[in-house]
Structures are given as C-alpha cells and as structure tokens.
Protein backbone atom coordinates (compact mmCIF):
# COMPACT_ATOMS: atom_id res chain seq x y z
CA MET A 1 -16.89 -11.28 -3.48
CA GLY A 2 -13.65 -11.38 -1.57
CA GLY A 3 -10.10 -10.23 -1.98
CA THR A 4 -6.50 -10.51 -0.89
CA VAL A 5 -4.90 -8.72 2.06
CA ILE A 6 -2.24 -6.38 0.67
CA THR A 7 -0.97 -5.30 4.06
CA SER A 8 -2.01 -5.17 7.70
CA GLY A 9 -0.58 -3.89 10.96
CA ILE A 10 0.73 -0.53 12.11
CA PRO A 11 2.62 1.45 9.47
CA LYS A 12 6.03 2.76 10.53
CA TRP A 13 5.09 6.20 9.20
CA SER A 14 1.91 6.40 11.32
CA LYS A 15 2.01 9.06 14.01
CA SER A 16 -1.23 7.78 15.53
CA GLN A 17 -0.07 4.14 15.65
CA SER A 18 -3.45 3.10 14.23
CA PRO A 19 -3.71 -0.51 13.03
CA TYR A 20 -5.02 -0.93 9.51
CA VAL A 21 -5.84 -3.50 6.83
CA ILE A 22 -5.76 -2.94 3.06
CA ILE A 23 -7.55 -5.47 0.84
CA LYS A 24 -7.41 -5.67 -2.96
CA GLY A 25 -10.91 -6.81 -3.91
CA ASP A 26 -11.82 -9.17 -6.71
CA ASP A 27 -13.42 -6.10 -8.33
CA LYS A 28 -9.92 -4.50 -8.51
CA LYS A 29 -10.84 -1.83 -5.93
CA GLU A 30 -8.69 -1.23 -2.87
CA TYR A 31 -10.47 -1.33 0.50
CA ARG A 32 -8.79 0.33 3.48
CA TYR A 33 -9.86 -0.13 7.10
CA VAL A 34 -8.10 1.98 9.74
CA HIS A 35 -8.41 2.27 13.56
CA LEU A 36 -9.35 -1.33 14.23
CA ASN A 37 -8.20 -4.32 16.25
CA ILE A 38 -7.09 -6.75 13.55
CA SER A 39 -8.46 -10.28 13.84
CA PRO A 40 -5.93 -13.09 14.36
CA GLY A 41 -4.94 -14.72 11.07
CA ILE A 42 -5.32 -11.57 8.94
CA PHE A 43 -1.94 -11.10 7.25
CA GLU A 44 -0.39 -10.05 3.94
CA GLY A 45 -1.25 -12.40 1.08
CA ARG A 46 -4.18 -14.08 2.82
CA ARG A 47 -7.40 -14.55 0.89
CA VAL A 48 -10.49 -13.19 2.68
CA ASN A 49 -14.13 -13.73 1.81
CA GLN A 50 -17.15 -11.45 2.02
CA GLY A 51 -18.63 -11.57 5.51
CA GLU A 52 -15.39 -12.68 7.16
CA LEU A 53 -14.39 -10.71 10.26
CA ILE A 54 -11.14 -8.84 9.59
CA GLY A 55 -11.22 -6.72 12.74
CA SER A 56 -13.28 -4.90 15.33
CA MET A 57 -13.54 -1.31 16.48
CA SER A 58 -10.38 -0.17 18.24
CA ASP A 59 -10.03 1.80 21.43
CA ASN A 60 -6.84 3.50 20.21
CA GLY A 61 -8.09 7.02 20.84
CA ALA A 62 -9.91 7.44 17.51
CA GLU A 63 -13.13 8.24 19.40
CA GLY A 64 -14.73 4.90 18.64
CA GLN A 65 -14.64 5.01 14.87
CA VAL A 66 -13.43 2.92 11.97
CA HIS A 67 -12.11 4.76 8.93
CA PHE A 68 -13.13 2.93 5.74
CA CYS A 69 -12.05 3.93 2.21
CA ILE A 70 -12.65 2.47 -1.25
CA LEU A 71 -10.14 3.44 -3.94
CA LYS A 72 -10.29 2.89 -7.70
CA TYR A 73 -8.61 4.93 -10.42
CA GLU A 74 -7.28 7.39 -7.82
CA MET A 75 -10.85 8.25 -6.71
CA ARG A 76 -11.48 7.92 -3.01
CA VAL A 77 -14.70 7.41 -1.08
CA CYS A 78 -14.23 7.44 2.69
CA LEU A 79 -16.62 6.81 5.56
CA PHE A 80 -16.13 7.17 9.29
CA LEU A 81 -18.19 4.49 11.00
CA ARG A 82 -19.17 4.91 14.65
C-alpha cells in the first residue's frame, strides 16, 4: 500500500515550527507525521510507497518523538513514537 503526499513542510500557523507530512493512503485514510526531518524529494502530489523513507526523527525540541496520526471518518488514532 502507498499513498499521495497531500502536504509537507512547516505550516504557517504552527507555533512550534514542527515539520510535518500528511499522506492520503490508498485505503482513503489520512496519515499525519509531525516533528520529523523530511526526506529530500517528499513534496505535495508525490506518490510514496510502503517502506519508503519519508523522514527521520527531528531534534526540533519535541523531546525526541514523532507524532503519528491516522484519520478516517473524523476518528483519530495518535501515537507518540520515541
């Protein structure tokens, strides 16, 4: 399974200036990854495949964690990975 990058970068509204990537999966779920160093070549509209590196853990002051969320039908499941 893979998906398409909806957006990536640092949102203008972010107070923490945390880089993020949002991917719309082939399963129609939205996958959000926050607090990471985005890999080169990951940009809006790009197709990504399962197992492809989209980023690595950031040192942006988030205490060494990646915030990962899956969204479908307004339900949210979030994990903080350390």
